[in-house]
Amino acid sequence: MGTLLPLPVFGQATAAHPDITDRGAVLRVRVHASGDATDAYVRQVVDVARALLAGAGVATEWAVCVEVACPIDQVRAASIVVIVEAKGPWEGNRCGRAALAPVEASGTVRVSVPCVAGVAERLRQRLDTGSHPMLAMSGHHDLTGAVVAHEIGHVLGLHHGPTGVMREQLDRNDIISLRSDRLAFSAPDAATMRRSAERVIGAPQPALARLTPGRAATP
């Protein structure tokens, strides 16, 4: 079970990035929410996670089943299930968890929004936010998206690493990197994820150049 201790990333929705689902087979992800997480919030989270995975050359297709039920074909096709938990108790500061299924590159990811928000706020109070404007922005959906991408990395065979998305604990510079579209999976991690995705979907993942997600938009 993989985890990520989140640090404060504050921002708004990422801009649209190139659609990669028409370039080959894709890894299918289904997203549900508990509590009062809105469809709009979850889609913002998905945009961030999808962009981080795309930057590693992992093509994904997401079915968001929050305010309406997903069609049965989308339910059956999903290899990874993501649950965004908006309410309820959560033990400790580790706000993301991944449970691996017996089938490779399949599993369930859980992310606690209150945990992300709580840890982000506590750590924000410790930082000199005046030293960089990206550390003073409000909101945390982009951090939640990074947690989702991190946990999907675990499902695809990754362990914690010294740099990038798979760091167990993001530091101040990682926060700024995420907000400036520079946080990424390492090259070896990206290769591992692509190989794992190829085995579960039965077709090669497209060899994508790194896609840079759009900068976060201000409200």
Protein backbone atom coordinates (compact mmCIF):
# COMPACT_ATOMS: atom_id res chain seq x y z
CA MET A 1 0.00 0.00 0.00
CA GLY A 2 1.59 3.24 -1.10
CA THR A 3 1.21 6.57 0.62
CA LEU A 4 2.07 10.21 0.13
CA LEU A 5 2.39 12.82 2.83
CA PRO A 6 1.07 15.93 1.14
CA LEU A 7 2.46 19.40 1.52
CA PRO A 8 0.57 22.57 0.69
CA VAL A 9 -0.05 23.21 -2.96
CA PHE A 10 -2.64 25.87 -3.53
CA GLY A 11 -4.28 26.49 -6.86
CA GLN A 12 -7.12 26.36 -9.30
CA ALA A 13 -8.02 24.16 -12.26
CA THR A 14 -5.36 23.28 -14.78
CA ALA A 15 -6.00 24.33 -18.36
CA ALA A 16 -6.86 21.75 -20.98
CA HIS A 17 -3.97 19.65 -22.26
CA PRO A 18 -3.69 17.58 -25.45
CA ASP A 19 -5.99 14.59 -25.66
CA ILE A 20 -3.89 11.44 -25.97
CA THR A 21 -6.62 8.80 -25.95
CA ASP A 22 -6.67 8.54 -29.74
CA ARG A 23 -2.99 7.56 -30.01
CA GLY A 24 -3.31 3.96 -28.85
CA ALA A 25 -4.60 1.77 -26.05
CA VAL A 26 -5.19 3.52 -22.75
CA LEU A 27 -5.30 2.62 -19.09
CA ARG A 28 -8.84 3.11 -17.84
CA VAL A 29 -9.54 4.71 -14.48
CA ARG A 30 -12.91 5.02 -12.75
CA VAL A 31 -13.47 7.72 -10.13
CA HIS A 32 -16.07 7.80 -7.35
CA ALA A 33 -16.52 10.18 -4.44
CA SER A 34 -17.86 9.84 -0.94
CA GLY A 35 -19.26 12.66 1.15
CA ASP A 36 -19.96 15.95 -0.56
CA ALA A 37 -17.18 16.07 -3.15
CA THR A 38 -18.60 17.78 -6.21
CA ASP A 39 -18.26 16.64 -9.80
CA ALA A 40 -16.44 19.89 -10.61
CA TYR A 41 -13.87 19.40 -7.84
CA VAL A 42 -13.24 15.78 -8.80
CA ARG A 43 -12.76 16.72 -12.45
CA GLN A 44 -10.16 19.31 -11.42
CA VAL A 45 -8.36 16.60 -9.46
CA VAL A 46 -8.54 14.27 -12.47
CA ASP A 47 -7.10 16.95 -14.78
CA VAL A 48 -4.00 17.24 -12.58
CA ALA A 49 -3.51 13.48 -12.17
CA ARG A 50 -4.05 12.79 -15.86
CA ALA A 51 -1.56 15.49 -16.87
CA LEU A 52 1.12 14.11 -14.54
CA LEU A 53 0.63 10.60 -15.93
CA ALA A 54 0.60 11.90 -19.50
CA GLY A 55 3.90 13.63 -18.82
CA ALA A 56 5.31 10.16 -18.09
CA GLY A 57 3.88 8.79 -21.35
CA VAL A 58 1.05 6.88 -19.66
CA ALA A 59 -2.18 7.39 -21.60
CA THR A 60 -5.28 7.25 -19.42
CA GLU A 61 -9.02 7.48 -19.91
CA TRP A 62 -11.10 8.55 -16.91
CA ALA A 63 -14.74 7.89 -16.11
CA VAL A 64 -15.99 10.25 -13.39
CA CYS A 65 -18.92 8.61 -11.59
CA VAL A 66 -19.75 11.28 -9.03
CA GLU A 67 -23.06 13.00 -9.70
CA VAL A 68 -24.28 10.40 -12.21
CA ALA A 69 -23.67 6.66 -12.44
CA CYS A 70 -21.16 5.53 -15.04
CA PRO A 71 -22.36 3.25 -17.85
CA ILE A 72 -21.75 -0.41 -17.17
CA ASP A 73 -19.16 -0.69 -19.96
CA GLN A 74 -17.04 1.99 -18.30
CA VAL A 75 -17.37 0.23 -14.95
CA ARG A 76 -16.21 -3.10 -16.36
CA ALA A 77 -13.38 -1.62 -18.42
CA ALA A 78 -11.65 0.19 -15.57
CA SER A 79 -8.38 -1.27 -14.30
CA ILE A 80 -7.98 1.26 -11.48
CA VAL A 81 -10.66 2.65 -9.19
CA VAL A 82 -10.08 5.99 -7.44
CA ILE A 83 -12.21 7.00 -4.46
CA VAL A 84 -12.11 10.65 -3.45
CA GLU A 85 -13.26 10.76 0.17
CA ALA A 86 -14.67 14.13 1.15
CA LYS A 87 -15.80 13.20 4.67
CA GLY A 88 -15.08 10.75 7.40
CA PRO A 89 -12.18 9.96 9.75
CA TRP A 90 -8.73 9.30 8.34
CA GLU A 91 -5.85 8.01 10.41
CA GLY A 92 -2.60 9.96 10.44
CA ASN A 93 -1.20 12.42 7.93
CA ARG A 94 -0.84 10.03 5.00
CA CYS A 95 -3.66 11.14 2.79
CA GLY A 96 -3.42 8.64 -0.06
CA ARG A 97 -3.53 4.86 -0.03
CA ALA A 98 -3.32 2.23 -2.74
CA ALA A 99 -4.59 -1.35 -2.49
CA LEU A 100 -3.20 -3.61 -5.20
CA ALA A 101 -5.39 -6.17 -6.92
CA PRO A 102 -4.15 -9.68 -7.84
CA VAL A 103 -4.07 -8.60 -11.48
CA GLU A 104 -1.04 -6.49 -12.37
CA ALA A 105 -1.57 -2.75 -12.80
CA SER A 106 -5.00 -2.96 -11.18
CA GLY A 107 -6.17 -1.77 -7.80
CA THR A 108 -8.00 0.81 -5.74
CA VAL A 109 -6.75 4.23 -4.73
CA ARG A 110 -8.26 6.20 -1.86
CA VAL A 111 -7.55 9.87 -1.21
CA SER A 112 -8.90 11.89 1.71
CA VAL A 113 -9.75 15.49 0.83
CA PRO A 114 -10.08 16.60 4.51
CA CYS A 115 -6.69 15.04 5.23
CA VAL A 116 -5.09 16.89 2.30
CA ALA A 117 -6.73 20.15 3.34
CA GLY A 118 -5.78 19.75 7.00
CA VAL A 119 -2.15 18.88 6.40
CA ALA A 120 -1.85 21.60 3.77
CA GLU A 121 -3.19 24.24 6.12
CA ARG A 122 -0.97 23.18 9.03
CA LEU A 123 2.13 23.18 6.87
CA ARG A 124 1.23 26.43 5.17
CA GLN A 125 1.27 28.10 8.57
CA ARG A 126 4.87 26.97 9.04
CA LEU A 127 6.11 28.25 5.70
CA ASP A 128 7.26 31.72 4.84
CA THR A 129 4.54 32.09 2.23
CA GLY A 130 5.67 35.56 1.37
CA SER A 131 8.85 34.18 -0.16
CA HIS A 132 7.07 32.76 -3.20
CA PRO A 133 3.59 33.57 -4.54
CA MET A 134 2.88 29.93 -5.46
CA LEU A 135 3.06 28.96 -1.80
CA ALA A 136 0.39 31.49 -0.83
CA MET A 137 -2.38 30.48 -3.24
CA SER A 138 -5.61 29.12 -1.84
CA GLY A 139 -7.17 25.73 -2.59
CA HIS A 140 -5.75 22.23 -2.70
CA HIS A 141 -7.37 20.26 -5.55
CA ASP A 142 -4.06 20.26 -7.45
CA LEU A 143 -2.33 18.66 -4.47
CA THR A 144 -5.11 16.07 -4.31
CA GLY A 145 -4.47 15.33 -7.99
CA ALA A 146 -0.76 14.85 -7.29
CA VAL A 147 -1.66 12.39 -4.51
CA VAL A 148 -3.89 10.47 -6.93
CA ALA A 149 -1.09 10.30 -9.53
CA HIS A 150 1.37 9.17 -6.84
CA GLU A 151 -0.92 6.36 -5.71
CA ILE A 152 -1.59 5.24 -9.29
CA GLY A 153 2.19 5.07 -9.60
CA HIS A 154 2.17 2.52 -6.79
CA VAL A 155 -0.54 0.52 -8.55
CA LEU A 156 1.67 0.50 -11.65
CA GLY A 157 4.60 -0.96 -9.73
CA LEU A 158 6.47 2.04 -8.35
CA HIS A 159 8.06 2.53 -4.96
CA HIS A 160 8.97 5.78 -3.27
CA GLY A 161 11.88 7.59 -4.88
CA PRO A 162 14.26 10.44 -4.08
CA THR A 163 12.79 12.91 -6.57
CA GLY A 164 9.64 13.78 -8.49
CA VAL A 165 6.06 12.65 -8.03
CA MET A 166 7.07 9.47 -6.17
CA ARG A 167 8.86 11.23 -3.31
CA GLU A 168 7.31 10.06 -0.07
CA GLN A 169 7.21 13.61 1.23
CA LEU A 170 7.18 16.58 -1.10
CA ASP A 171 9.29 19.53 -0.06
CA ARG A 172 8.97 23.25 -0.67
CA ASN A 173 10.65 23.11 -4.08
CA ASP A 174 8.35 20.27 -5.19
CA ILE A 175 5.36 22.45 -4.36
CA ILE A 176 6.69 25.21 -6.57
CA SER A 177 7.52 22.67 -9.29
CA LEU A 178 3.95 21.38 -9.30
CA ARG A 179 2.55 24.89 -9.51
CA SER A 180 4.91 25.76 -12.40
CA ASP A 181 4.29 22.54 -14.38
CA ARG A 182 7.71 21.06 -13.66
CA LEU A 183 6.90 18.27 -11.19
CA ALA A 184 7.17 14.92 -12.98
CA PHE A 185 7.79 11.21 -12.63
CA SER A 186 11.45 10.26 -13.05
CA ALA A 187 12.43 8.68 -16.37
CA PRO A 188 12.94 5.19 -14.86
CA ASP A 189 9.59 5.41 -13.06
CA ALA A 190 7.87 6.49 -16.27
CA ALA A 191 9.33 3.51 -18.14
CA THR A 192 8.19 1.12 -15.39
CA MET A 193 4.65 2.49 -15.49
CA ARG A 194 4.44 2.20 -19.25
CA ARG A 195 5.58 -1.43 -19.18
CA SER A 196 3.07 -2.24 -16.45
CA ALA A 197 0.25 -0.53 -18.35
CA GLU A 198 1.16 -2.39 -21.53
CA ARG A 199 0.79 -5.73 -19.78
CA VAL A 200 -2.63 -4.97 -18.33
CA ILE A 201 -4.17 -3.45 -21.47
CA GLY A 202 -2.53 -5.90 -23.86
CA ALA A 203 -1.11 -3.28 -26.24
CA PRO A 204 1.91 -0.96 -26.26
CA GLN A 205 1.47 2.40 -24.63
CA PRO A 206 2.17 5.23 -27.09
CA ALA A 207 5.68 6.61 -26.96
CA LEU A 208 4.70 10.16 -26.07
CA ALA A 209 6.91 13.16 -25.78
CA ARG A 210 6.49 14.86 -22.43
CA LEU A 211 3.24 16.81 -22.38
CA THR A 212 3.27 19.98 -20.36
CA PRO A 213 -0.06 20.61 -18.63
CA GLY A 214 -1.48 24.09 -18.86
CA ARG A 215 -0.78 26.49 -16.06
CA ALA A 216 -3.35 26.76 -13.36
CA ALA A 217 -5.92 29.38 -14.10
CA THR A 218 -6.91 32.04 -11.63
CA PRO A 219 -10.61 32.26 -10.80
